[in-house]
Amino acid sequence: MPVLLHASTDLSNMCHRREAFFDVNEVAKFFDEVEANIAALKSETDLQALSRVWLRLALEKRYPYNFTWLGRPIIQFPTDILAIQEIIWRTKPDVIVETGIAHGGSLIFSSSMLSLLPGEGRVIGVDIDIRKHNREEIEKHPMGKRITLLEGSSVANDIVAQVTRLVGKGERVLVILDSNHTHEHVLQELQLYSPFVRAGGYLVVLDTIIEDLPADAYPNRPWRKGANPKTAVWEFLRSNDRFRIDRDLEAKLLITGAPDGYLECIKN
């Protein structure tokens, strides 16, 4: 009997190992299929063109203004929210630095994502003008305890110095730029905030879609076609080889307000 029991136990263990092996293979198979699907999307020119038309029409109707995150307006395309969620989960930053606060939905989103990760992840929000009602709503929110608000220009020396003091040495940092959309301002932000990001991390530049819209899309704004976040990204990448555009992420989104704006850091 002991021999038979031992044999039975060995057989049971072998079956469990076999099942685990196939489970792992099925997971890998699924993600291989996703990778192939993304690769195929890169050559779907008709679908890409339709997406650009949809984006233009949706922006005319202020579509991104329709959404909130845990009660606060987030003013982003849902696909970009999902993309940043994937980046946060994969890279597990200790600190998320965001320039441009508005109603604070993006800060609340970042804080809620960090609350799902181990550690005491923090969010630093920078804006030249934090409205009193927005500050109050952010600070009293259940996710507000992880958030530090800094009021001032994101490119001012004192603000950059404060961010530097708040980011610990060796911490993993995700940077999201969404403030003044002029070429000069975004380029300066890229130069000032890119050093916080290390290999494997991301620097996200939002509203690069401005370059792809009609020339008269923003008649009363200082940014325009030919001088906006995307042109700033292009200039930045010409002189900085630490970052590259994540084309796979962009291809799978199809609908995004940040084409050419998902920058992956590839070396320290």
C-alpha atoms as a PDB file:
ATOM      1  CA  MET A   1       0.000   0.000   0.000  1.00  0.00           C
ATOM      2  CA  PRO A   2       2.694   2.602   0.832  1.00  0.00           C
ATOM      3  CA  VAL A   3       4.270   2.001  -2.562  1.00  0.00           C
ATOM      4  CA  LEU A   4       0.930   2.472  -4.335  1.00  0.00           C
ATOM      5  CA  LEU A   5       0.223   5.640  -2.338  1.00  0.00           C
ATOM      6  CA  HIS A   6       3.643   7.013  -3.259  1.00  0.00           C
ATOM      7  CA  ALA A   7       3.015   6.241  -6.914  1.00  0.00           C
ATOM      8  CA  SER A   8      -0.372   7.879  -6.737  1.00  0.00           C
ATOM      9  CA  THR A   9       1.128  10.996  -5.155  1.00  0.00           C
ATOM     10  CA  ASP A  10       3.818  11.154  -7.826  1.00  0.00           C
ATOM     11  CA  LEU A  11       1.177  10.839 -10.534  1.00  0.00           C
ATOM     12  CA  SER A  12      -0.892  13.611  -8.923  1.00  0.00           C
ATOM     13  CA  ASN A  13       2.143  15.916  -8.746  1.00  0.00           C
ATOM     14  CA  MET A  14       2.970  15.155 -12.368  1.00  0.00           C
ATOM     15  CA  CYS A  15      -0.582  16.069 -13.434  1.00  0.00           C
ATOM     16  CA  HIS A  16      -0.436  19.347 -11.507  1.00  0.00           C
ATOM     17  CA  ARG A  17       2.898  20.213 -13.129  1.00  0.00           C
ATOM     18  CA  ARG A  18       1.488  19.328 -16.540  1.00  0.00           C
ATOM     19  CA  GLU A  19      -1.596  21.509 -15.958  1.00  0.00           C
ATOM     20  CA  ALA A  20       0.581  24.391 -14.752  1.00  0.00           C
ATOM     21  CA  PHE A  21       2.774  24.018 -17.837  1.00  0.00           C
ATOM     22  CA  PHE A  22      -0.203  24.241 -20.164  1.00  0.00           C
ATOM     23  CA  ASP A  23      -1.688  27.156 -18.184  1.00  0.00           C
ATOM     24  CA  VAL A  24       1.542  29.096 -18.627  1.00  0.00           C
ATOM     25  CA  ASN A  25       1.622  28.199 -22.299  1.00  0.00           C
ATOM     26  CA  GLU A  26      -1.952  29.456 -22.771  1.00  0.00           C
ATOM     27  CA  VAL A  27      -1.075  32.796 -21.141  1.00  0.00           C
ATOM     28  CA  ALA A  28       2.001  33.159 -23.352  1.00  0.00           C
ATOM     29  CA  LYS A  29      -0.038  32.113 -26.391  1.00  0.00           C
ATOM     30  CA  PHE A  30      -2.629  34.819 -25.688  1.00  0.00           C
ATOM     31  CA  PHE A  31      -0.024  37.577 -25.433  1.00  0.00           C
ATOM     32  CA  ASP A  32       1.724  36.295 -28.568  1.00  0.00           C
ATOM     33  CA  GLU A  33      -1.600  36.673 -30.387  1.00  0.00           C
ATOM     34  CA  VAL A  34      -1.987  40.208 -29.031  1.00  0.00           C
ATOM     35  CA  GLU A  35       1.519  41.078 -30.214  1.00  0.00           C
ATOM     36  CA  ALA A  36       0.731  39.789 -33.695  1.00  0.00           C
ATOM     37  CA  ASN A  37      -2.525  41.754 -33.727  1.00  0.00           C
ATOM     38  CA  ILE A  38      -0.716  44.971 -32.794  1.00  0.00           C
ATOM     39  CA  ALA A  39       1.865  44.373 -35.507  1.00  0.00           C
ATOM     40  CA  ALA A  40      -0.930  43.960 -38.054  1.00  0.00           C
ATOM     41  CA  LEU A  41      -2.600  47.184 -36.942  1.00  0.00           C
ATOM     42  CA  LYS A  42       0.519  49.141 -37.910  1.00  0.00           C
ATOM     43  CA  SER A  43      -0.245  48.504 -41.571  1.00  0.00           C
ATOM     44  CA  GLU A  44      -4.015  49.077 -41.365  1.00  0.00           C
ATOM     45  CA  THR A  45      -3.913  52.449 -43.103  1.00  0.00           C
ATOM     46  CA  ASP A  46      -7.682  52.629 -43.696  1.00  0.00           C
ATOM     47  CA  LEU A  47      -8.432  51.999 -40.024  1.00  0.00           C
ATOM     48  CA  GLN A  48      -5.825  54.544 -38.994  1.00  0.00           C
ATOM     49  CA  ALA A  49      -7.348  57.123 -41.340  1.00  0.00           C
ATOM     50  CA  LEU A  50     -10.836  56.467 -39.961  1.00  0.00           C
ATOM     51  CA  SER A  51      -9.478  56.858 -36.436  1.00  0.00           C
ATOM     52  CA  ARG A  52      -8.029  60.269 -37.316  1.00  0.00           C
ATOM     53  CA  VAL A  53     -11.387  61.389 -38.726  1.00  0.00           C
ATOM     54  CA  TRP A  54     -13.187  60.128 -35.617  1.00  0.00           C
ATOM     55  CA  LEU A  55     -10.701  61.937 -33.375  1.00  0.00           C
ATOM     56  CA  ARG A  56     -11.156  65.217 -35.201  1.00  0.00           C
ATOM     57  CA  LEU A  57     -14.957  65.052 -35.007  1.00  0.00           C
ATOM     58  CA  ALA A  58     -14.916  63.910 -31.375  1.00  0.00           C
ATOM     59  CA  LEU A  59     -12.641  66.779 -30.364  1.00  0.00           C
ATOM     60  CA  GLU A  60     -14.951  69.261 -32.074  1.00  0.00           C
ATOM     61  CA  LYS A  61     -17.673  67.982 -29.701  1.00  0.00           C
ATOM     62  CA  ARG A  62     -15.334  68.155 -26.664  1.00  0.00           C
ATOM     63  CA  TYR A  63     -15.657  64.395 -26.219  1.00  0.00           C
ATOM     64  CA  PRO A  64     -12.791  64.007 -23.679  1.00  0.00           C
ATOM     65  CA  TYR A  65     -14.622  66.355 -21.291  1.00  0.00           C
ATOM     66  CA  ASN A  66     -17.350  63.754 -20.754  1.00  0.00           C
ATOM     67  CA  PHE A  67     -15.489  61.532 -18.318  1.00  0.00           C
ATOM     68  CA  THR A  68     -14.574  61.474 -14.633  1.00  0.00           C
ATOM     69  CA  TRP A  69     -12.305  59.327 -12.515  1.00  0.00           C
ATOM     70  CA  LEU A  70     -13.690  58.625  -9.036  1.00  0.00           C
ATOM     71  CA  GLY A  71     -15.814  61.735  -9.302  1.00  0.00           C
ATOM     72  CA  ARG A  72     -13.282  64.231 -10.683  1.00  0.00           C
ATOM     73  CA  PRO A  73     -13.233  65.383 -14.348  1.00  0.00           C
ATOM     74  CA  ILE A  74     -10.246  63.762 -16.074  1.00  0.00           C
ATOM     75  CA  ILE A  75     -10.509  65.318 -19.577  1.00  0.00           C
ATOM     76  CA  GLN A  76      -8.733  62.510 -21.448  1.00  0.00           C
ATOM     77  CA  PHE A  77      -9.654  59.938 -24.057  1.00  0.00           C
ATOM     78  CA  PRO A  78     -10.590  56.681 -22.276  1.00  0.00           C
ATOM     79  CA  THR A  79      -8.040  54.822 -24.377  1.00  0.00           C
ATOM     80  CA  ASP A  80      -5.241  57.040 -23.063  1.00  0.00           C
ATOM     81  CA  ILE A  81      -6.415  56.465 -19.502  1.00  0.00           C
ATOM     82  CA  LEU A  82      -6.209  52.732 -20.161  1.00  0.00           C
ATOM     83  CA  ALA A  83      -2.752  53.070 -21.734  1.00  0.00           C
ATOM     84  CA  ILE A  84      -1.370  54.976 -18.743  1.00  0.00           C
ATOM     85  CA  GLN A  85      -2.904  52.342 -16.448  1.00  0.00           C
ATOM     86  CA  GLU A  86      -0.936  49.672 -18.336  1.00  0.00           C
ATOM     87  CA  ILE A  87       2.269  51.710 -18.030  1.00  0.00           C
ATOM     88  CA  ILE A  88       1.777  52.212 -14.282  1.00  0.00           C
ATOM     89  CA  TRP A  89       1.062  48.539 -13.647  1.00  0.00           C
ATOM     90  CA  ARG A  90       4.009  47.391 -15.753  1.00  0.00           C
ATOM     91  CA  THR A  91       6.642  49.906 -14.610  1.00  0.00           C
ATOM     92  CA  LYS A  92       5.440  50.333 -10.998  1.00  0.00           C
ATOM     93  CA  PRO A  93       6.655  53.899 -10.427  1.00  0.00           C
ATOM     94  CA  ASP A  94       7.339  55.211  -6.923  1.00  0.00           C
ATOM     95  CA  VAL A  95       6.451  58.744  -8.006  1.00  0.00           C
ATOM     96  CA  ILE A  96       4.234  60.140 -10.755  1.00  0.00           C
ATOM     97  CA  VAL A  97       4.940  63.748 -11.739  1.00  0.00           C
ATOM     98  CA  GLU A  98       2.170  65.514 -13.668  1.00  0.00           C
ATOM     99  CA  THR A  99       2.282  69.014 -15.115  1.00  0.00           C
ATOM    100  CA  GLY A 100      -1.149  70.501 -15.674  1.00  0.00           C
ATOM    101  CA  ILE A 101      -3.852  69.786 -13.084  1.00  0.00           C
ATOM    102  CA  ALA A 102      -7.177  71.322 -14.236  1.00  0.00           C
ATOM    103  CA  HIS A 103      -9.904  69.610 -12.179  1.00  0.00           C
ATOM    104  CA  GLY A 104      -7.522  66.981 -10.791  1.00  0.00           C
ATOM    105  CA  GLY A 105      -9.031  63.834 -12.291  1.00  0.00           C
ATOM    106  CA  SER A 106      -5.698  62.667 -13.673  1.00  0.00           C
ATOM    107  CA  LEU A 107      -4.026  63.127 -10.276  1.00  0.00           C
ATOM    108  CA  ILE A 108      -6.799  61.130  -8.606  1.00  0.00           C
ATOM    109  CA  PHE A 109      -6.410  58.438 -11.267  1.00  0.00           C
ATOM    110  CA  SER A 110      -2.649  58.223 -10.709  1.00  0.00           C
ATOM    111  CA  SER A 111      -3.095  58.118  -6.940  1.00  0.00           C
ATOM    112  CA  SER A 112      -5.705  55.362  -7.175  1.00  0.00           C
ATOM    113  CA  MET A 113      -3.418  53.282  -9.375  1.00  0.00           C
ATOM    114  CA  LEU A 114      -0.484  53.697  -6.999  1.00  0.00           C
ATOM    115  CA  SER A 115      -2.724  52.593  -4.117  1.00  0.00           C
ATOM    116  CA  LEU A 116      -2.921  49.174  -5.807  1.00  0.00           C
ATOM    117  CA  LEU A 117       0.862  48.782  -5.804  1.00  0.00           C
ATOM    118  CA  PRO A 118       3.132  47.926  -2.866  1.00  0.00           C
ATOM    119  CA  GLY A 119       4.753  50.855  -1.086  1.00  0.00           C
ATOM    120  CA  GLU A 120       3.763  54.449  -0.510  1.00  0.00           C
ATOM    121  CA  GLY A 121       3.680  55.770  -4.063  1.00  0.00           C
ATOM    122  CA  ARG A 122       3.203  59.512  -4.456  1.00  0.00           C
ATOM    123  CA  VAL A 123       1.831  61.923  -7.029  1.00  0.00           C
ATOM    124  CA  ILE A 124       3.228  65.417  -7.607  1.00  0.00           C
ATOM    125  CA  GLY A 125       0.914  67.783  -9.462  1.00  0.00           C
ATOM    126  CA  VAL A 126       2.194  71.077 -10.900  1.00  0.00           C
ATOM    127  CA  ASP A 127       0.069  73.892 -12.289  1.00  0.00           C
ATOM    128  CA  ILE A 128       0.620  77.608 -12.779  1.00  0.00           C
ATOM    129  CA  ASP A 129      -2.885  78.288 -11.439  1.00  0.00           C
ATOM    130  CA  ILE A 130      -4.585  75.844  -9.073  1.00  0.00           C
ATOM    131  CA  ARG A 131      -8.136  77.055  -8.648  1.00  0.00           C
ATOM    132  CA  LYS A 132      -9.346  77.126  -5.036  1.00  0.00           C
ATOM    133  CA  HIS A 133     -12.345  74.858  -5.671  1.00  0.00           C
ATOM    134  CA  ASN A 134     -10.182  72.320  -7.495  1.00  0.00           C
ATOM    135  CA  ARG A 135      -7.560  72.293  -4.734  1.00  0.00           C
ATOM    136  CA  GLU A 136     -10.262  71.707  -2.138  1.00  0.00           C
ATOM    137  CA  GLU A 137     -11.818  68.838  -4.089  1.00  0.00           C
ATOM    138  CA  ILE A 138      -8.438  67.179  -4.673  1.00  0.00           C
ATOM    139  CA  GLU A 139      -7.238  67.530  -1.083  1.00  0.00           C
ATOM    140  CA  LYS A 140     -10.441  66.185   0.491  1.00  0.00           C
ATOM    141  CA  HIS A 141     -10.714  63.249  -1.934  1.00  0.00           C
ATOM    142  CA  PRO A 142     -10.005  59.762  -0.483  1.00  0.00           C
ATOM    143  CA  MET A 143      -7.103  59.504  -2.946  1.00  0.00           C
ATOM    144  CA  GLY A 144      -5.803  62.987  -2.078  1.00  0.00           C
ATOM    145  CA  LYS A 145      -3.462  61.855   0.688  1.00  0.00           C
ATOM    146  CA  ARG A 146      -0.845  60.656  -1.809  1.00  0.00           C
ATOM    147  CA  ILE A 147      -0.917  63.933  -3.783  1.00  0.00           C
ATOM    148  CA  THR A 148       1.353  66.969  -3.378  1.00  0.00           C
ATOM    149  CA  LEU A 149       0.247  70.118  -5.215  1.00  0.00           C
ATOM    150  CA  LEU A 150       2.792  72.687  -6.411  1.00  0.00           C
ATOM    151  CA  GLU A 151       1.552  76.003  -7.772  1.00  0.00           C
ATOM    152  CA  GLY A 152       3.786  77.733 -10.298  1.00  0.00           C
ATOM    153  CA  SER A 153       5.132  77.357 -13.802  1.00  0.00           C
ATOM    154  CA  SER A 154       6.337  73.835 -14.480  1.00  0.00           C
ATOM    155  CA  VAL A 155       9.495  75.249 -16.074  1.00  0.00           C
ATOM    156  CA  ALA A 156      10.345  77.683 -13.252  1.00  0.00           C
ATOM    157  CA  ASN A 157      13.594  76.941 -11.442  1.00  0.00           C
ATOM    158  CA  ASP A 158      11.990  76.909  -7.993  1.00  0.00           C
ATOM    159  CA  ILE A 159       9.273  74.450  -9.071  1.00  0.00           C
ATOM    160  CA  VAL A 160      11.789  72.064 -10.663  1.00  0.00           C
ATOM    161  CA  ALA A 161      13.885  72.350  -7.487  1.00  0.00           C
ATOM    162  CA  GLN A 162      10.865  71.420  -5.358  1.00  0.00           C
ATOM    163  CA  VAL A 163      10.114  68.404  -7.547  1.00  0.00           C
ATOM    164  CA  THR A 164      13.758  67.353  -7.274  1.00  0.00           C
ATOM    165  CA  ARG A 165      13.577  67.502  -3.465  1.00  0.00           C
ATOM    166  CA  LEU A 166      10.366  65.441  -3.444  1.00  0.00           C
ATOM    167  CA  VAL A 167      11.761  62.656  -5.638  1.00  0.00           C
ATOM    168  CA  GLY A 168      14.031  60.309  -3.710  1.00  0.00           C
ATOM    169  CA  LYS A 169      17.324  59.110  -5.125  1.00  0.00           C
ATOM    170  CA  GLY A 170      16.865  55.957  -7.158  1.00  0.00           C
ATOM    171  CA  GLU A 171      13.064  56.142  -7.199  1.00  0.00           C
ATOM    172  CA  ARG A 172      11.191  55.070 -10.318  1.00  0.00           C
ATOM    173  CA  VAL A 173       9.430  58.071 -11.851  1.00  0.00           C
ATOM    174  CA  LEU A 174       6.668  58.398 -14.444  1.00  0.00           C
ATOM    175  CA  VAL A 175       6.319  61.888 -15.938  1.00  0.00           C
ATOM    176  CA  ILE A 176       3.122  63.088 -17.650  1.00  0.00           C
ATOM    177  CA  LEU A 177       3.201  66.477 -19.394  1.00  0.00           C
ATOM    178  CA  ASP A 178      -0.142  68.196 -19.949  1.00  0.00           C
ATOM    179  CA  SER A 179       0.208  71.911 -19.231  1.00  0.00           C
ATOM    180  CA  ASN A 180       0.915  74.748 -21.680  1.00  0.00           C
ATOM    181  CA  HIS A 181       0.891  73.165 -25.155  1.00  0.00           C
ATOM    182  CA  THR A 182       3.221  75.569 -26.983  1.00  0.00           C
ATOM    183  CA  HIS A 183       6.279  74.091 -28.677  1.00  0.00           C
ATOM    184  CA  GLU A 184       8.721  76.113 -26.573  1.00  0.00           C
ATOM    185  CA  HIS A 185       7.084  75.275 -23.248  1.00  0.00           C
ATOM    186  CA  VAL A 186       6.772  71.532 -23.893  1.00  0.00           C
ATOM    187  CA  LEU A 187      10.322  71.335 -25.212  1.00  0.00           C
ATOM    188  CA  GLN A 188      11.569  73.011 -22.039  1.00  0.00           C
ATOM    189  CA  GLU A 189       9.497  70.600 -19.925  1.00  0.00           C
ATOM    190  CA  LEU A 190      10.977  67.668 -21.818  1.00  0.00           C
ATOM    191  CA  GLN A 191      14.483  68.896 -21.159  1.00  0.00           C
ATOM    192  CA  LEU A 192      13.812  69.594 -17.468  1.00  0.00           C
ATOM    193  CA  TYR A 193      11.766  66.520 -16.523  1.00  0.00           C
ATOM    194  CA  SER A 194      13.282  63.785 -18.701  1.00  0.00           C
ATOM    195  CA  PRO A 195      16.267  63.346 -16.311  1.00  0.00           C
ATOM    196  CA  PHE A 196      13.843  62.071 -13.638  1.00  0.00           C
ATOM    197  CA  VAL A 197      12.983  59.046 -15.809  1.00  0.00           C
ATOM    198  CA  ARG A 198      15.299  56.048 -15.852  1.00  0.00           C
ATOM    199  CA  ALA A 199      15.586  53.060 -18.206  1.00  0.00           C
ATOM    200  CA  GLY A 200      12.316  51.153 -18.424  1.00  0.00           C
ATOM    201  CA  GLY A 201      10.232  54.161 -17.381  1.00  0.00           C
ATOM    202  CA  TYR A 202       8.022  56.450 -19.430  1.00  0.00           C
ATOM    203  CA  LEU A 203       7.613  60.130 -20.196  1.00  0.00           C
ATOM    204  CA  VAL A 204       4.128  60.802 -21.593  1.00  0.00           C
ATOM    205  CA  VAL A 205       3.382  63.951 -23.604  1.00  0.00           C
ATOM    206  CA  LEU A 206      -0.347  64.532 -23.993  1.00  0.00           C
ATOM    207  CA  ASP A 207      -2.228  66.555 -26.635  1.00  0.00           C
ATOM    208  CA  THR A 208       0.292  65.849 -29.388  1.00  0.00           C
ATOM    209  CA  ILE A 209      -2.862  65.350 -31.490  1.00  0.00           C
ATOM    210  CA  ILE A 210      -2.845  69.137 -32.079  1.00  0.00           C
ATOM    211  CA  GLU A 211      -0.346  68.624 -34.914  1.00  0.00           C
ATOM    212  CA  ASP A 212      -2.800  66.313 -36.719  1.00  0.00           C
ATOM    213  CA  LEU A 213      -5.805  68.636 -36.559  1.00  0.00           C
ATOM    214  CA  PRO A 214      -6.801  71.340 -39.058  1.00  0.00           C
ATOM    215  CA  ALA A 215      -4.715  74.525 -38.914  1.00  0.00           C
ATOM    216  CA  ASP A 216      -7.640  76.555 -37.560  1.00  0.00           C
ATOM    217  CA  ALA A 217      -8.562  74.118 -34.770  1.00  0.00           C
ATOM    218  CA  TYR A 218      -7.258  76.410 -31.993  1.00  0.00           C
ATOM    219  CA  PRO A 219      -7.685  79.989 -33.280  1.00  0.00           C
ATOM    220  CA  ASN A 220      -7.565  81.569 -29.812  1.00  0.00           C
ATOM    221  CA  ARG A 221      -4.677  79.576 -28.377  1.00  0.00           C
ATOM    222  CA  PRO A 222      -0.910  80.157 -28.516  1.00  0.00           C
ATOM    223  CA  TRP A 223      -0.332  76.626 -29.848  1.00  0.00           C
ATOM    224  CA  ARG A 224      -1.042  75.607 -33.425  1.00  0.00           C
ATOM    225  CA  LYS A 225      -0.236  73.168 -36.176  1.00  0.00           C
ATOM    226  CA  GLY A 226       3.538  73.294 -36.637  1.00  0.00           C
ATOM    227  CA  ALA A 227       4.211  74.455 -33.048  1.00  0.00           C
ATOM    228  CA  ASN A 228       2.759  72.201 -30.360  1.00  0.00           C
ATOM    229  CA  PRO A 229       3.598  69.224 -28.111  1.00  0.00           C
ATOM    230  CA  LYS A 230       4.267  66.851 -31.012  1.00  0.00           C
ATOM    231  CA  THR A 231       6.734  69.189 -32.730  1.00  0.00           C
ATOM    232  CA  ALA A 232       8.431  69.612 -29.341  1.00  0.00           C
ATOM    233  CA  VAL A 233       8.725  65.811 -29.028  1.00  0.00           C
ATOM    234  CA  TRP A 234      10.271  65.587 -32.494  1.00  0.00           C
ATOM    235  CA  GLU A 235      12.858  68.249 -31.671  1.00  0.00           C
ATOM    236  CA  PHE A 236      13.600  66.686 -28.292  1.00  0.00           C
ATOM    237  CA  LEU A 237      14.223  63.243 -29.796  1.00  0.00           C
ATOM    238  CA  ARG A 238      16.646  64.644 -32.366  1.00  0.00           C
ATOM    239  CA  SER A 239      19.066  65.504 -29.566  1.00  0.00           C
ATOM    240  CA  ASN A 240      18.185  62.902 -26.919  1.00  0.00           C
ATOM    241  CA  ASP A 241      18.818  59.219 -27.569  1.00  0.00           C
ATOM    242  CA  ARG A 242      17.577  58.053 -24.162  1.00  0.00           C
ATOM    243  CA  PHE A 243      13.971  57.915 -25.330  1.00  0.00           C
ATOM    244  CA  ARG A 244      12.024  56.410 -28.196  1.00  0.00           C
ATOM    245  CA  ILE A 245       8.365  56.527 -29.204  1.00  0.00           C
ATOM    246  CA  ASP A 246       6.495  53.389 -28.156  1.00  0.00           C
ATOM    247  CA  ARG A 247       4.983  52.559 -31.536  1.00  0.00           C
ATOM    248  CA  ASP A 248       3.356  49.332 -30.324  1.00  0.00           C
ATOM    249  CA  LEU A 249       1.372  51.166 -27.665  1.00  0.00           C
ATOM    250  CA  GLU A 250       0.272  53.806 -30.151  1.00  0.00           C
ATOM    251  CA  ALA A 251      -0.685  51.180 -32.770  1.00  0.00           C
ATOM    252  CA  LYS A 252      -2.940  49.242 -30.456  1.00  0.00           C
ATOM    253  CA  LEU A 253      -4.732  52.361 -29.188  1.00  0.00           C
ATOM    254  CA  LEU A 254      -5.762  53.737 -32.618  1.00  0.00           C
ATOM    255  CA  ILE A 255      -7.776  56.384 -30.744  1.00  0.00           C
ATOM    256  CA  THR A 256      -5.352  58.574 -28.770  1.00  0.00           C
ATOM    257  CA  GLY A 257      -4.781  62.211 -27.974  1.00  0.00           C
ATOM    258  CA  ALA A 258      -1.059  61.507 -27.679  1.00  0.00           C
ATOM    259  CA  PRO A 259       0.290  60.193 -31.015  1.00  0.00           C
ATOM    260  CA  ASP A 260       4.110  60.154 -30.828  1.00  0.00           C
ATOM    261  CA  GLY A 261       3.678  61.110 -27.157  1.00  0.00           C
ATOM    262  CA  TYR A 262       4.372  57.823 -25.360  1.00  0.00           C
ATOM    263  CA  LEU A 263       8.129  57.990 -24.831  1.00  0.00           C
ATOM    264  CA  GLU A 264       9.891  54.964 -23.417  1.00  0.00           C
ATOM    265  CA  CYS A 265      13.243  55.490 -21.697  1.00  0.00           C
ATOM    266  CA  ILE A 266      15.666  52.946 -23.139  1.00  0.00           C
ATOM    267  CA  LYS A 267      18.850  53.810 -21.233  1.00  0.00           C
ATOM    268  CA  ASN A 268      20.057  55.714 -18.206  1.00  0.00           C
END
